[in-house]
Protein backbone atom coordinates (compact mmCIF):
# COMPACT_ATOMS: atom_id res chain seq x y z
CA MET A 1 -6.15 20.03 -19.06
CA THR A 2 -6.77 19.41 -15.36
CA THR A 3 -6.43 16.18 -13.33
CA LYS A 4 -10.24 16.20 -12.97
CA GLN A 5 -10.76 16.39 -16.71
CA LEU A 6 -8.22 13.57 -17.21
CA MET A 7 -10.10 11.42 -14.74
CA ASP A 8 -13.51 12.29 -16.29
CA ILE A 9 -12.28 11.14 -19.61
CA ALA A 10 -11.26 7.81 -18.21
CA LEU A 11 -14.52 7.32 -16.35
CA GLU A 12 -16.50 8.09 -19.49
CA GLU A 13 -14.53 5.61 -21.65
CA ALA A 14 -15.27 2.93 -19.08
CA GLY A 15 -18.98 3.84 -18.82
CA LEU A 16 -18.77 5.00 -15.20
CA LYS A 17 -20.55 8.12 -13.76
CA GLU A 18 -18.61 8.21 -10.52
CA MET A 19 -14.99 7.69 -9.49
CA PRO A 20 -14.46 4.25 -7.98
CA GLU A 21 -12.96 3.76 -4.58
CA ASP A 22 -9.66 2.53 -6.11
CA CYS A 23 -9.09 5.70 -8.10
CA GLY A 24 -8.03 8.97 -6.86
CA ILE A 25 -6.51 12.38 -7.50
CA MET A 26 -4.00 12.60 -4.70
CA VAL A 27 -2.38 15.82 -5.94
CA GLU A 28 -4.51 18.11 -8.16
CA GLY A 29 -3.10 19.87 -11.22
CA LYS A 30 -4.05 22.09 -14.07
CA GLU A 31 -2.54 23.13 -17.45
CA ILE A 32 -1.34 19.58 -17.88
CA LYS A 33 0.32 18.97 -21.28
CA LYS A 34 2.61 16.06 -20.56
CA VAL A 35 1.61 12.93 -18.59
CA LEU A 36 3.87 10.09 -17.51
CA MET A 37 1.81 6.86 -16.99
CA GLY A 38 2.64 3.36 -15.77
CA VAL A 39 1.14 0.33 -14.02
CA ASP A 40 3.10 1.10 -10.82
CA MET A 41 4.21 4.56 -10.27
CA ASP A 42 5.87 5.37 -6.95
CA THR A 43 8.43 7.83 -5.57
CA ALA A 44 11.16 6.93 -8.08
CA GLU A 45 8.86 7.55 -10.98
CA LEU A 46 7.60 10.74 -9.48
CA LEU A 47 11.23 11.95 -9.30
CA LEU A 48 11.83 10.87 -12.84
CA ALA A 49 8.82 12.80 -14.01
CA LYS A 50 9.97 15.91 -12.26
CA GLN A 51 13.41 15.71 -13.74
CA LEU A 52 12.13 15.13 -17.26
CA GLY A 53 9.60 17.94 -17.12
CA TYR A 54 6.28 16.15 -16.97
CA ASP A 55 3.16 17.87 -15.61
CA CYS A 56 1.43 14.85 -14.15
CA VAL A 57 2.04 11.24 -13.02
CA VAL A 58 -0.61 8.61 -13.48
CA SER A 59 -0.49 5.19 -11.69
CA HIS A 60 -2.79 2.33 -12.80
CA HIS A 61 -2.57 0.36 -9.40
CA PRO A 62 -4.08 2.18 -6.50
CA ARG A 63 -1.94 4.68 -4.62
CA ASN A 64 -4.82 6.30 -2.68
CA THR A 65 -5.87 5.98 0.91
CA ASN A 66 -9.59 5.17 0.46
CA VAL A 67 -10.63 2.70 3.26
CA ASP A 68 -13.73 1.74 1.37
CA MET A 69 -11.68 0.32 -1.56
CA LEU A 70 -12.58 -3.32 -0.66
CA GLU A 71 -16.31 -2.62 -1.42
CA LEU A 72 -15.38 -2.90 -5.16
CA LEU A 73 -15.14 -6.66 -4.53
CA ASN A 74 -18.92 -6.59 -4.42
CA THR A 75 -18.71 -6.31 -8.26
CA HIS A 76 -18.31 -10.06 -8.18
CA ILE A 77 -21.64 -10.50 -6.46
CA MET A 78 -23.36 -8.65 -9.28
CA LYS A 79 -21.41 -10.55 -12.00
CA LEU A 80 -22.50 -13.85 -10.47
CA GLU A 81 -26.08 -12.70 -10.09
CA ALA A 82 -26.11 -12.01 -13.79
CA LEU A 83 -25.04 -15.68 -14.27
CA GLY A 84 -27.77 -16.96 -11.99
CA THR A 85 -26.13 -17.11 -8.51
CA PRO A 86 -28.45 -15.62 -5.88
CA ARG A 87 -27.07 -12.31 -4.44
CA ASN A 88 -27.12 -13.57 -0.92
CA LYS A 89 -24.90 -16.61 -1.86
CA GLY A 90 -22.40 -14.43 -3.58
CA GLN A 91 -22.16 -12.13 -0.57
CA LYS A 92 -21.55 -15.07 1.76
CA LEU A 93 -18.86 -16.53 -0.43
CA LEU A 94 -17.02 -13.21 -0.64
CA GLU A 95 -16.83 -12.57 3.11
CA GLU A 96 -13.73 -14.66 3.73
CA ARG A 97 -11.69 -12.88 0.87
CA LYS A 98 -12.79 -9.47 2.06
CA THR A 99 -11.53 -10.31 5.64
CA GLU A 100 -8.17 -11.47 4.27
CA LEU A 101 -7.74 -8.34 2.22
CA ASN A 102 -8.74 -6.11 5.10
CA TYR A 103 -5.98 -7.43 7.28
CA ASN A 104 -3.41 -6.60 4.44
CA GLN A 105 -4.92 -3.30 3.74
CA HIS A 106 -4.87 -2.09 7.33
CA VAL A 107 -1.05 -2.42 7.65
CA SER A 108 -0.20 -0.94 4.35
CA ASN A 109 1.79 2.36 3.82
CA SER A 110 -0.88 3.77 1.65
CA ALA A 111 0.27 7.41 1.80
CA ARG A 112 3.89 6.68 0.83
CA SER A 113 3.91 7.83 -2.71
CA GLU A 114 1.27 10.46 -2.15
CA SER A 115 3.36 12.25 0.41
CA ALA A 116 6.34 12.25 -2.11
CA ALA A 117 4.10 13.77 -4.77
CA LYS A 118 3.03 16.50 -2.41
CA LEU A 119 6.56 17.39 -1.46
CA LEU A 120 7.45 17.51 -5.21
CA ASN A 121 4.43 19.40 -5.99
CA MET A 122 3.72 16.96 -8.67
CA PRO A 123 0.07 16.33 -9.84
CA TYR A 124 -0.63 12.64 -9.16
CA MET A 125 -3.56 10.32 -9.71
CA CYS A 126 -4.46 6.68 -9.97
CA ILE A 127 -6.87 5.02 -12.49
CA HIS A 128 -7.55 1.36 -11.66
CA THR A 129 -11.05 0.03 -12.24
CA PRO A 130 -11.92 2.15 -15.26
CA ALA A 131 -8.86 0.68 -17.11
CA ASP A 132 -9.70 -2.87 -15.89
CA ILE A 133 -13.29 -2.46 -17.14
CA ILE A 134 -12.02 -1.40 -20.55
CA SER A 135 -9.51 -4.19 -20.74
CA GLU A 136 -12.20 -6.77 -19.82
CA ALA A 137 -14.59 -5.47 -22.32
CA ILE A 138 -12.02 -5.44 -25.24
CA VAL A 139 -10.87 -8.95 -24.54
CA GLN A 140 -14.32 -10.37 -24.00
CA LYS A 141 -15.60 -8.79 -27.29
CA PHE A 142 -12.64 -10.26 -29.19
CA LEU A 143 -13.21 -13.72 -27.83
CA ASP A 144 -16.93 -13.58 -28.41
CA GLU A 145 -16.51 -12.73 -32.02
CA LYS A 146 -13.58 -15.20 -32.52
CA PHE A 147 -15.30 -18.16 -31.17
CA LYS A 148 -19.06 -17.49 -31.99
CA ASP A 149 -20.87 -20.73 -32.73
CA LYS A 150 -17.78 -22.87 -32.27
CA PRO A 151 -18.66 -25.31 -29.42
CA GLU A 152 -15.63 -27.40 -30.09
CA THR A 153 -13.21 -24.61 -29.05
CA THR A 154 -10.36 -25.70 -26.78
CA VAL A 155 -8.53 -23.77 -24.16
CA GLY A 156 -5.41 -24.02 -26.29
CA GLU A 157 -7.18 -22.33 -29.15
CA VAL A 158 -8.31 -19.57 -26.87
CA ALA A 159 -4.69 -18.96 -25.53
CA GLU A 160 -3.27 -18.89 -29.18
CA ALA A 161 -6.10 -16.40 -30.23
CA LEU A 162 -5.13 -13.96 -27.40
CA GLU A 163 -1.75 -13.57 -28.95
CA GLU A 164 -3.42 -12.08 -32.02
CA LEU A 165 -3.86 -8.93 -29.93
CA GLY A 166 -0.84 -6.63 -29.83
CA GLU A 167 -0.53 -6.26 -26.08
CA TYR A 168 -0.32 -9.99 -25.67
CA LYS A 169 1.85 -10.57 -28.73
CA ASN A 170 4.30 -8.01 -27.48
CA SER A 171 4.45 -9.15 -23.91
CA ALA A 172 7.43 -11.27 -22.59
CA ARG A 173 4.97 -13.21 -20.57
CA LYS A 174 2.52 -15.20 -22.76
CA PRO A 175 -0.92 -16.49 -21.82
CA VAL A 176 -0.64 -19.67 -19.72
CA ILE A 177 -3.21 -22.31 -18.82
CA ARG A 178 -3.25 -22.78 -15.01
CA VAL A 179 -6.25 -25.05 -14.80
CA GLY A 180 -7.07 -27.54 -17.63
CA SER A 181 -5.02 -28.26 -20.69
CA LYS A 182 -4.71 -27.29 -24.27
CA GLU A 183 -7.05 -30.04 -25.25
CA SER A 184 -9.68 -29.11 -22.72
CA TYR A 185 -13.03 -27.82 -24.11
CA ALA A 186 -13.42 -24.14 -23.38
CA GLY A 187 -17.15 -23.99 -22.95
CA LYS A 188 -18.52 -20.69 -21.97
CA ILE A 189 -15.57 -18.22 -22.10
CA TYR A 190 -15.79 -15.54 -19.44
CA VAL A 191 -13.26 -12.68 -19.09
CA LEU A 192 -12.79 -11.71 -15.51
CA MET A 193 -10.49 -8.65 -15.11
CA SER A 194 -12.40 -6.10 -13.07
CA GLY A 195 -13.50 -6.10 -9.46
CA LEU A 196 -10.46 -4.73 -7.65
CA THR A 197 -8.44 -7.96 -7.45
CA GLY A 198 -8.80 -11.79 -7.38
CA PRO A 199 -11.99 -12.67 -5.43
CA GLY A 200 -10.72 -15.94 -3.85
CA GLU A 201 -11.17 -19.63 -4.77
CA LYS A 202 -14.81 -19.85 -3.40
CA ILE A 203 -16.11 -17.11 -5.73
CA LEU A 204 -14.00 -18.47 -8.61
CA GLN A 205 -15.43 -21.91 -8.11
CA GLU A 206 -18.97 -20.36 -8.09
CA TYR A 207 -18.35 -18.94 -11.54
CA PHE A 208 -17.96 -22.42 -12.82
CA GLU A 209 -20.98 -23.63 -10.84
CA ALA A 210 -22.93 -20.81 -12.64
CA GLY A 211 -22.10 -22.32 -15.97
CA VAL A 212 -18.71 -20.78 -17.00
CA GLY A 213 -16.40 -23.23 -18.73
CA THR A 214 -13.19 -21.06 -18.89
CA LEU A 215 -12.19 -18.00 -17.01
CA VAL A 216 -9.84 -15.67 -18.68
CA MET A 217 -8.06 -13.72 -15.96
CA MET A 218 -5.05 -11.46 -15.46
CA HIS A 219 -3.61 -13.55 -12.56
CA ILE A 220 -4.33 -16.11 -9.98
CA PRO A 221 -2.58 -17.28 -6.69
CA GLU A 222 -1.27 -20.82 -6.91
CA LYS A 223 -3.42 -21.88 -3.90
CA ASP A 224 -6.55 -20.79 -5.73
CA ALA A 225 -5.51 -22.67 -8.90
CA LYS A 226 -4.97 -25.82 -6.78
CA LYS A 227 -8.46 -25.60 -5.22
CA ILE A 228 -10.14 -25.14 -8.56
CA LYS A 229 -8.25 -28.10 -9.94
CA GLU A 230 -9.58 -30.09 -7.07
CA GLN A 231 -13.14 -29.10 -8.03
CA GLY A 232 -12.66 -30.60 -11.49
CA ILE A 233 -15.03 -28.47 -13.42
CA GLY A 234 -13.64 -25.43 -15.22
CA ASN A 235 -10.53 -24.10 -16.81
CA VAL A 236 -8.37 -20.98 -15.91
CA LEU A 237 -6.39 -19.24 -18.65
CA ILE A 238 -4.16 -16.49 -17.34
CA ALA A 239 -3.81 -13.93 -20.05
CA GLY A 240 -1.17 -11.89 -18.35
CA HIS A 241 -1.14 -9.10 -15.74
CA MET A 242 0.79 -6.14 -17.28
CA SER A 243 -0.40 -7.00 -20.80
CA SER A 244 -4.12 -7.16 -19.70
CA ASP A 245 -3.76 -3.84 -17.76
CA SER A 246 -2.24 -2.28 -20.86
CA PHE A 247 -5.54 -2.49 -22.95
CA GLY A 248 -7.43 -0.20 -20.83
CA LEU A 249 -4.48 2.10 -20.15
CA ASN A 250 -3.68 2.42 -23.85
CA LYS A 251 -7.27 3.25 -24.63
CA ILE A 252 -7.31 6.09 -22.01
CA ALA A 253 -4.03 7.40 -23.20
CA GLU A 254 -5.30 7.53 -26.78
CA LYS A 255 -8.31 9.60 -25.63
CA TRP A 256 -6.08 12.01 -23.76
CA LYS A 257 -3.76 12.40 -26.85
CA GLU A 258 -6.87 13.23 -28.90
CA LYS A 259 -7.35 16.20 -26.52
CA GLY A 260 -3.80 17.29 -26.87
CA VAL A 261 -2.18 15.74 -23.98
CA GLU A 262 1.22 14.08 -24.65
CA THR A 263 1.18 10.71 -22.82
CA THR A 264 4.28 8.67 -22.32
CA MET A 265 3.94 4.96 -21.30
CA MET A 266 6.31 3.22 -18.97
CA SER A 267 6.52 0.84 -15.88
CA GLY A 268 4.86 -2.22 -17.35
CA ILE A 269 2.52 -0.87 -20.00
CA ILE A 270 2.80 -2.72 -23.30
CA GLU A 271 1.91 -0.87 -26.31
CA ALA A 272 0.19 -2.70 -29.23
């Protein structure tokens, strides 16, 4: 198996035809039989993989240098448009968040782990959006089926239901309600886990304006949660970061294993 074949399998599982900007094959490899995969894989994990005899290291969180990565935030424009928000409005609301992230990205040491992988001659790649898309779809399908035709559903019931899924059940950090309460009506439940990262409070507020009752997310900054509370419309249920990432990563690893590639999970991945 080559690094390209590994990536192609992940893209296919997520329904993607092209590699998103937050994915990358930083060091190519072939004849890969053993993969070490984790949510965050940096120089220490590369050294560990080399010592233990692995053929490739896969990180979930981006470790590539693509300057166009922030364009993935436009996913939120399309998601909102599907809910009825005009495309131009979504674009305007997203501008402030894009600028904020651009400042952070511009000063980052984005080639740090890549340079270590090259020195170690260790095949190295990152798979972010495909795993997030898979996670989002799995959790959304589960909640849709669980609460179909149940308008009285509360946010507390949604939080409890999430723990029926192995990745959440086995996580040390359980789902937590950041906006709303256990007794709050959930309304339309919308799982938001793809789109690079949190889109900022203006976009999040627009999801509620577009009819969403409860956003189920991986994480949210305290400042955004406070703004949404002030809005007084929707609820935010944080399912968990590592646990939510794990759904997609486990599914991708499962497909690799079917092709004969031994895949060891570490660094934040929670197995069901």
